[in-house]
Protein backbone atom coordinates (compact mmCIF):
# COMPACT_ATOMS: atom_id res chain seq x y z
CA MET A 1 -12.32 -28.41 -27.31
CA SER A 2 -8.71 -27.52 -26.69
CA PRO A 3 -7.28 -24.14 -27.68
CA SER A 4 -4.94 -25.76 -30.19
CA SER A 5 -7.78 -27.45 -32.06
CA SER A 6 -10.00 -24.37 -32.05
CA THR A 7 -7.35 -21.88 -33.17
CA PRO A 8 -7.15 -22.97 -36.84
CA VAL A 9 -10.94 -22.82 -37.11
CA LEU A 10 -11.03 -19.35 -35.60
CA GLN A 11 -8.20 -18.20 -37.82
CA ARG A 12 -10.02 -19.37 -40.95
CA ALA A 13 -13.25 -17.78 -39.74
CA SER A 14 -11.43 -14.52 -38.99
CA ALA A 15 -9.82 -14.54 -42.44
CA PHE A 16 -13.23 -15.13 -44.02
CA THR A 17 -14.91 -12.29 -42.16
CA GLY A 18 -12.00 -9.97 -42.92
CA ARG A 19 -12.19 -10.77 -46.63
CA TRP A 20 -15.97 -10.36 -46.81
CA PHE A 21 -16.37 -7.67 -44.15
CA ALA A 22 -17.99 -5.12 -46.46
CA VAL A 23 -20.42 -7.70 -47.86
CA LEU A 24 -21.41 -8.84 -44.36
CA VAL A 25 -22.03 -5.25 -43.24
CA LEU A 26 -24.05 -4.57 -46.40
CA ALA A 27 -26.12 -7.68 -45.70
CA ALA A 28 -26.69 -6.44 -42.15
CA GLY A 29 -28.02 -3.18 -43.55
CA GLY A 30 -30.37 -5.13 -45.79
CA LEU A 31 -31.58 -7.08 -42.79
CA GLY A 32 -32.32 -3.81 -41.04
CA LEU A 33 -34.54 -2.79 -43.96
CA LEU A 34 -36.34 -6.14 -43.96
CA LEU A 35 -36.99 -6.25 -40.19
CA PRO A 36 -37.17 -2.60 -39.11
CA ASP A 37 -39.71 -2.97 -36.32
CA THR A 38 -37.93 -5.92 -34.74
CA LEU A 39 -34.34 -4.66 -34.93
CA ALA A 40 -35.12 -1.05 -34.04
CA GLN A 41 -36.12 -2.23 -30.58
CA ALA A 42 -32.48 -3.21 -29.99
CA ALA A 43 -31.28 0.42 -30.15
CA PRO A 44 -30.39 0.50 -26.40
CA ALA A 45 -27.86 -2.28 -27.09
CA VAL A 46 -25.82 -0.19 -29.55
CA PRO A 47 -23.52 1.46 -26.96
CA TRP A 48 -22.88 -1.93 -25.34
CA LEU A 49 -21.99 -3.46 -28.71
CA LEU A 50 -19.49 -0.69 -29.39
CA ALA A 51 -18.01 -1.05 -25.89
CA LEU A 52 -17.49 -4.77 -26.59
CA ILE A 53 -15.74 -3.96 -29.87
CA MET A 54 -13.46 -1.42 -28.16
CA LEU A 55 -12.69 -3.88 -25.36
CA GLY A 56 -11.48 -6.27 -28.05
CA MET A 57 -9.33 -3.54 -29.55
CA GLY A 58 -7.75 -2.86 -26.16
CA MET A 59 -6.99 -6.55 -25.70
CA THR A 60 -4.95 -6.55 -28.92
CA LEU A 61 -2.68 -3.79 -27.63
CA ARG A 62 0.60 -4.20 -25.76
CA PRO A 63 2.87 -1.63 -24.12
CA VAL A 64 5.38 -2.17 -26.95
CA ASP A 65 2.81 -0.79 -29.40
CA PHE A 66 3.35 2.62 -27.85
CA ALA A 67 7.07 2.56 -28.62
CA VAL A 68 6.33 4.16 -32.00
CA VAL A 69 5.81 7.43 -30.12
CA VAL A 70 9.50 7.42 -29.20
CA ARG A 71 10.73 6.09 -32.55
CA THR A 72 8.68 8.25 -34.92
CA PRO A 73 6.90 11.02 -33.00
CA TRP A 74 6.78 13.23 -36.09
CA ALA A 75 4.95 10.62 -38.18
CA LEU A 76 2.45 9.96 -35.41
CA GLY A 77 1.86 13.68 -34.87
CA VAL A 78 1.29 14.29 -38.58
CA GLY A 79 -1.08 11.35 -38.82
CA VAL A 80 -3.22 12.19 -35.80
CA ALA A 81 -3.35 15.89 -36.74
CA ALA A 82 -4.50 14.96 -40.24
CA GLN A 83 -7.09 12.60 -38.75
CA TYR A 84 -8.71 15.34 -36.68
CA LEU A 85 -8.40 18.15 -39.24
CA VAL A 86 -9.02 16.67 -42.68
CA MET A 87 -12.05 14.49 -41.96
CA PRO A 88 -14.13 16.83 -39.76
CA LEU A 89 -13.60 19.81 -42.06
CA THR A 90 -14.29 17.71 -45.15
CA GLY A 91 -17.50 16.35 -43.63
CA PHE A 92 -18.64 19.88 -42.83
CA ALA A 93 -17.70 21.21 -46.27
CA LEU A 94 -19.50 18.41 -48.10
CA ALA A 95 -22.62 18.85 -45.98
CA ARG A 96 -22.74 22.53 -46.92
CA LEU A 97 -21.77 22.00 -50.56
CA LEU A 98 -24.37 19.28 -51.15
CA ASP A 99 -26.99 21.04 -49.00
CA LEU A 100 -27.68 18.00 -46.84
CA SER A 101 -30.45 18.05 -44.25
CA PRO A 102 -29.45 19.15 -40.73
CA THR A 103 -29.52 15.57 -39.38
CA GLN A 104 -27.46 14.25 -42.29
CA ALA A 105 -25.02 17.16 -41.99
CA ALA A 106 -24.54 16.50 -38.27
CA GLY A 107 -23.98 12.83 -39.09
CA MET A 108 -21.31 13.70 -41.66
CA VAL A 109 -19.47 15.91 -39.15
CA LEU A 110 -19.73 13.21 -36.48
CA VAL A 111 -18.20 10.62 -38.82
CA GLY A 112 -15.38 13.02 -39.62
CA ALA A 113 -14.74 13.85 -35.98
CA SER A 114 -14.50 10.21 -34.93
CA PRO A 115 -11.12 8.48 -34.40
CA GLY A 116 -9.64 5.93 -36.77
CA GLY A 117 -11.31 2.55 -37.18
CA THR A 118 -9.74 -0.72 -36.11
CA ALA A 119 -10.20 -2.29 -39.56
CA SER A 120 -7.63 0.21 -40.86
CA ASN A 121 -4.81 -1.71 -39.13
CA VAL A 122 -5.57 -4.78 -41.23
CA MET A 123 -5.77 -2.70 -44.41
CA VAL A 124 -2.40 -1.07 -43.71
CA PHE A 125 -0.82 -4.47 -43.12
CA LEU A 126 -2.20 -5.76 -46.43
CA ALA A 127 -1.03 -2.59 -48.18
CA LYS A 128 2.56 -3.17 -46.99
CA GLY A 129 2.34 0.03 -44.98
CA ASP A 130 3.75 0.92 -41.58
CA THR A 131 1.54 -1.26 -39.38
CA ALA A 132 3.10 -0.07 -36.11
CA LEU A 133 2.32 3.53 -37.06
CA SER A 134 -1.21 2.51 -38.02
CA VAL A 135 -1.85 0.84 -34.66
CA ALA A 136 -0.39 3.85 -32.84
CA MET A 137 -2.57 6.27 -34.83
CA THR A 138 -5.71 4.26 -34.11
CA THR A 139 -4.83 4.02 -30.43
CA PHE A 140 -3.91 7.65 -29.88
CA SER A 141 -6.78 9.06 -31.94
CA THR A 142 -9.09 6.87 -29.85
CA LEU A 143 -7.56 8.06 -26.57
CA LEU A 144 -7.97 11.68 -27.72
CA ALA A 145 -11.56 11.15 -28.86
CA PRO A 146 -13.27 11.99 -25.54
CA VAL A 147 -11.91 15.53 -25.79
CA LEU A 148 -11.53 16.24 -29.51
CA THR A 149 -14.67 14.60 -30.89
CA PRO A 150 -17.16 16.57 -28.72
CA LEU A 151 -15.30 19.85 -29.35
CA LEU A 152 -15.21 19.32 -33.11
CA VAL A 153 -18.86 18.31 -33.25
CA LEU A 154 -19.84 21.34 -31.16
CA TRP A 155 -17.82 23.63 -33.41
CA LEU A 156 -18.84 22.24 -36.80
CA ALA A 157 -22.25 20.65 -36.25
CA GLY A 158 -23.64 23.15 -33.77
CA GLU A 159 -25.20 25.17 -36.56
CA PHE A 160 -27.14 22.13 -37.79
CA LEU A 161 -28.42 20.64 -34.52
CA PRO A 162 -28.07 21.37 -30.78
CA VAL A 163 -24.92 19.66 -29.49
CA ASP A 164 -24.31 18.66 -25.86
CA ALA A 165 -20.52 18.35 -25.83
CA GLY A 166 -20.49 17.25 -22.19
CA ALA A 167 -22.83 14.35 -22.86
CA LEU A 168 -20.75 13.33 -25.89
CA PHE A 169 -17.63 13.35 -23.71
CA VAL A 170 -19.26 11.07 -21.12
CA SER A 171 -20.51 8.68 -23.82
CA ILE A 172 -17.09 8.38 -25.45
CA VAL A 173 -15.41 7.74 -22.11
CA GLN A 174 -17.96 5.04 -21.33
CA VAL A 175 -18.07 3.22 -24.66
CA VAL A 176 -14.54 3.86 -25.99
CA LEU A 177 -11.90 4.97 -23.52
CA ALA A 178 -12.84 2.80 -20.53
CA PRO A 179 -13.20 -0.46 -22.56
CA VAL A 180 -9.90 0.15 -24.42
CA LEU A 181 -8.01 0.77 -21.17
CA LEU A 182 -9.66 -2.26 -19.59
CA GLY A 183 -8.62 -4.40 -22.54
CA LEU A 184 -5.04 -3.12 -22.33
CA LEU A 185 -5.03 -3.87 -18.60
CA LEU A 186 -6.27 -7.41 -19.20
CA ARG A 187 -3.57 -7.97 -21.83
CA THR A 188 -0.96 -6.83 -19.29
CA VAL A 189 -2.29 -8.62 -16.21
CA VAL A 190 -3.58 -11.90 -17.66
CA PRO A 191 -1.78 -12.25 -21.02
CA ALA A 192 -2.21 -16.03 -21.21
CA LEU A 193 -5.98 -15.76 -20.91
CA VAL A 194 -6.17 -13.00 -23.52
CA GLU A 195 -3.97 -14.95 -25.93
CA ARG A 196 -6.53 -17.78 -25.86
CA VAL A 197 -9.29 -15.50 -27.17
CA LEU A 198 -7.32 -13.28 -29.59
CA ASP A 199 -8.34 -15.32 -32.63
CA ALA A 200 -12.00 -14.74 -31.79
CA LEU A 201 -11.72 -10.95 -31.53
CA PRO A 202 -12.02 -10.21 -35.27
CA LEU A 203 -15.23 -12.23 -35.34
CA VAL A 204 -16.58 -10.27 -32.38
CA SER A 205 -15.69 -6.97 -34.06
CA VAL A 206 -17.31 -7.87 -37.37
CA ALA A 207 -20.43 -9.21 -35.66
CA GLY A 208 -20.64 -6.13 -33.46
CA ILE A 209 -20.27 -3.65 -36.33
CA ALA A 210 -22.77 -5.59 -38.45
CA ALA A 211 -25.26 -5.56 -35.58
CA VAL A 212 -24.82 -1.81 -35.08
CA VAL A 213 -25.41 -1.16 -38.79
CA ALA A 214 -28.51 -3.39 -38.83
CA ILE A 215 -30.00 -1.61 -35.80
CA VAL A 216 -29.16 1.87 -37.13
CA VAL A 217 -30.68 1.14 -40.54
CA ALA A 218 -33.76 -0.40 -38.93
CA GLY A 219 -34.25 2.69 -36.78
CA SER A 220 -34.45 4.92 -39.85
CA ALA A 221 -35.67 2.48 -42.49
CA ASP A 222 -38.19 4.94 -43.93
CA THR A 223 -35.50 7.59 -44.31
CA VAL A 224 -33.01 5.18 -45.87
CA LEU A 225 -35.35 4.48 -48.77
CA THR A 226 -35.79 8.18 -49.52
CA VAL A 227 -32.20 9.35 -49.05
CA GLY A 228 -31.26 8.81 -52.67
CA PRO A 229 -27.76 8.88 -54.11
CA LEU A 230 -26.81 12.28 -52.65
CA LEU A 231 -25.85 11.01 -49.21
CA VAL A 232 -24.02 8.05 -50.74
CA LEU A 233 -22.07 10.49 -52.93
CA ALA A 234 -21.22 12.58 -49.87
CA VAL A 235 -19.89 9.54 -48.01
CA VAL A 236 -17.84 8.32 -50.99
CA LEU A 237 -16.31 11.78 -51.48
CA HIS A 238 -15.63 12.09 -47.75
CA ASN A 239 -13.73 8.82 -47.70
CA GLY A 240 -11.88 9.60 -50.95
CA VAL A 241 -10.72 13.00 -49.73
CA GLY A 242 -9.46 11.43 -46.51
CA LEU A 243 -7.45 8.79 -48.35
CA GLY A 244 -6.02 11.25 -50.88
CA VAL A 245 -5.27 14.21 -48.63
CA GLY A 246 -3.92 11.91 -45.93
CA TYR A 247 -1.37 10.51 -48.39
CA GLY A 248 -0.58 13.96 -49.75
CA LEU A 249 0.08 15.48 -46.34
CA ALA A 250 2.27 12.53 -45.37
CA ARG A 251 4.30 13.02 -48.52
CA LEU A 252 4.58 16.79 -48.08
CA THR A 253 5.87 16.34 -44.54
CA GLY A 254 8.60 13.95 -45.70
CA LEU A 255 7.29 10.62 -44.42
CA ASP A 256 8.48 7.48 -46.19
CA VAL A 257 6.22 5.38 -48.41
CA PRO A 258 5.08 2.84 -45.78
CA ALA A 259 4.18 5.70 -43.43
CA ARG A 260 2.30 7.50 -46.23
CA ARG A 261 0.21 4.44 -46.85
CA ALA A 262 -0.54 4.12 -43.15
CA VAL A 263 -1.56 7.76 -42.77
CA SER A 264 -3.70 7.62 -45.91
CA ILE A 265 -5.70 4.62 -44.75
CA GLU A 266 -5.90 5.78 -41.15
CA VAL A 267 -7.26 9.19 -42.14
CA GLY A 268 -9.69 7.78 -44.69
CA MET A 269 -11.12 4.99 -42.51
CA GLN A 270 -13.15 6.15 -39.52
CA ASN A 271 -14.63 4.47 -36.46
CA SER A 272 -18.07 4.53 -38.05
CA GLY A 273 -19.44 2.31 -35.28
CA LEU A 274 -18.68 5.05 -32.77
CA ALA A 275 -20.22 7.70 -35.02
CA ALA A 276 -23.37 5.61 -35.48
CA THR A 277 -23.64 5.00 -31.74
CA LEU A 278 -23.22 8.65 -30.79
CA ALA A 279 -25.62 9.79 -33.50
CA THR A 280 -28.27 7.31 -32.38
CA VAL A 281 -27.94 8.21 -28.70
CA HIS A 282 -27.51 12.00 -28.95
CA PHE A 283 -29.23 12.97 -32.21
CA SER A 284 -31.48 10.55 -34.09
CA PRO A 285 -31.26 7.31 -36.11
CA ALA A 286 -31.38 9.41 -39.28
CA ALA A 287 -28.19 11.20 -38.19
CA ALA A 288 -26.51 7.80 -37.99
CA LEU A 289 -27.10 7.03 -41.69
CA PRO A 290 -23.84 8.60 -42.92
CA ALA A 291 -21.97 6.37 -40.46
CA ALA A 292 -23.88 3.27 -41.59
CA ILE A 293 -23.09 3.98 -45.24
CA PHE A 294 -19.49 4.86 -44.37
CA SER A 295 -19.12 1.55 -42.53
CA VAL A 296 -19.78 -0.31 -45.76
CA TRP A 297 -17.98 1.95 -48.21
CA HIS A 298 -14.70 2.56 -46.37
CA ASN A 299 -14.14 -1.17 -46.11
CA VAL A 300 -14.70 -1.52 -49.85
CA SER A 301 -12.39 1.37 -50.77
CA GLY A 302 -9.82 0.37 -48.15
CA SER A 303 -9.70 -3.18 -49.44
CA LEU A 304 -9.31 -2.03 -53.05
CA LEU A 305 -6.55 0.44 -52.16
CA ALA A 306 -4.75 -2.11 -49.98
CA GLY A 307 -4.91 -4.66 -52.78
CA TRP A 308 -3.46 -2.20 -55.28
CA TRP A 309 -0.66 -1.11 -52.98
CA SER A 310 0.12 -4.70 -52.02
CA ARG A 311 1.12 -5.30 -55.67
CA ARG A 312 3.44 -2.26 -55.60
CA PRO A 313 6.50 -3.06 -53.48
CA VAL A 314 7.73 -0.18 -51.38
CA GLU A 315 11.12 -0.20 -53.08
CA ARG A 316 9.47 0.38 -56.46
CA ALA A 317 7.32 3.16 -55.06
CA VAL A 318 10.39 4.85 -53.59
CA ALA A 319 12.25 4.58 -56.89
CA GLU A 320 9.33 6.11 -58.77
CA ARG A 321 9.13 8.95 -56.24
CA ASP A 322 12.86 9.66 -56.62
CA ARG A 323 12.56 9.74 -60.42
CA VAL A 324 9.65 12.15 -60.25
CA GLY A 325 11.44 14.33 -57.67
């Protein structure tokens, strides 16, 4: 089959998976509950699945995507700082406030300390936000993850469970940084080859995240059924605070409306696949539950927020802001 004949099919399939991403991930979680013994045996594959997802992310990047650092360094700095301050501290605060178990608390902190998720770029585009800023925030928060994520987890989750920051650093380099840089290198060296597979990358990402969620849920199926609504509430609040505070900080620091929308979604949507992988490898499957729940919920809330903002043109939002000010 020629590339030209396969591209429309892949584009339609990618659009379908993007539209129903949250439902597909939820179905994967259900599959994990139905086949726990079978899927739990695939736990060693989780880091490889995440590495494949991050390789795909790297292949979507181009050197021009980094130009936003020169154009709007202040916006990028505000966004990345908010990413690594708001979410980790919120995860820690909610774990203490709701008196979560040590494994669940560590999982909440790990979700908060993870970089932005790749699905956020799509949400920002749909929300008529600053997509270039969104891509830059995802990229730079990911590149900083090998250093910042282990330090934040050691600082905030160390009181809940023993944390080996060095091992976390090595894992993030292996499953995040190296694949992203390899993908970027491939896009630079063999762009024609990468262009032929770009339409398939969203499918690979969705399938990979769904597989991670299914395996994580299967590994702690007994715990999932006894968690109750408390952990779900914690995850929903965590995501909501990220979206709201991210927007508020962007507004307070003088960013324009498209940039505010980008920062809001980037801060609120985490790389839950990374959090689930690290929790499974370094803590326990039960510690990965917050990430599994987050993976479903942040795509639901992100889609709803993007849909609402997409019906509010930026010009109107600016006018309303000026009237209020």
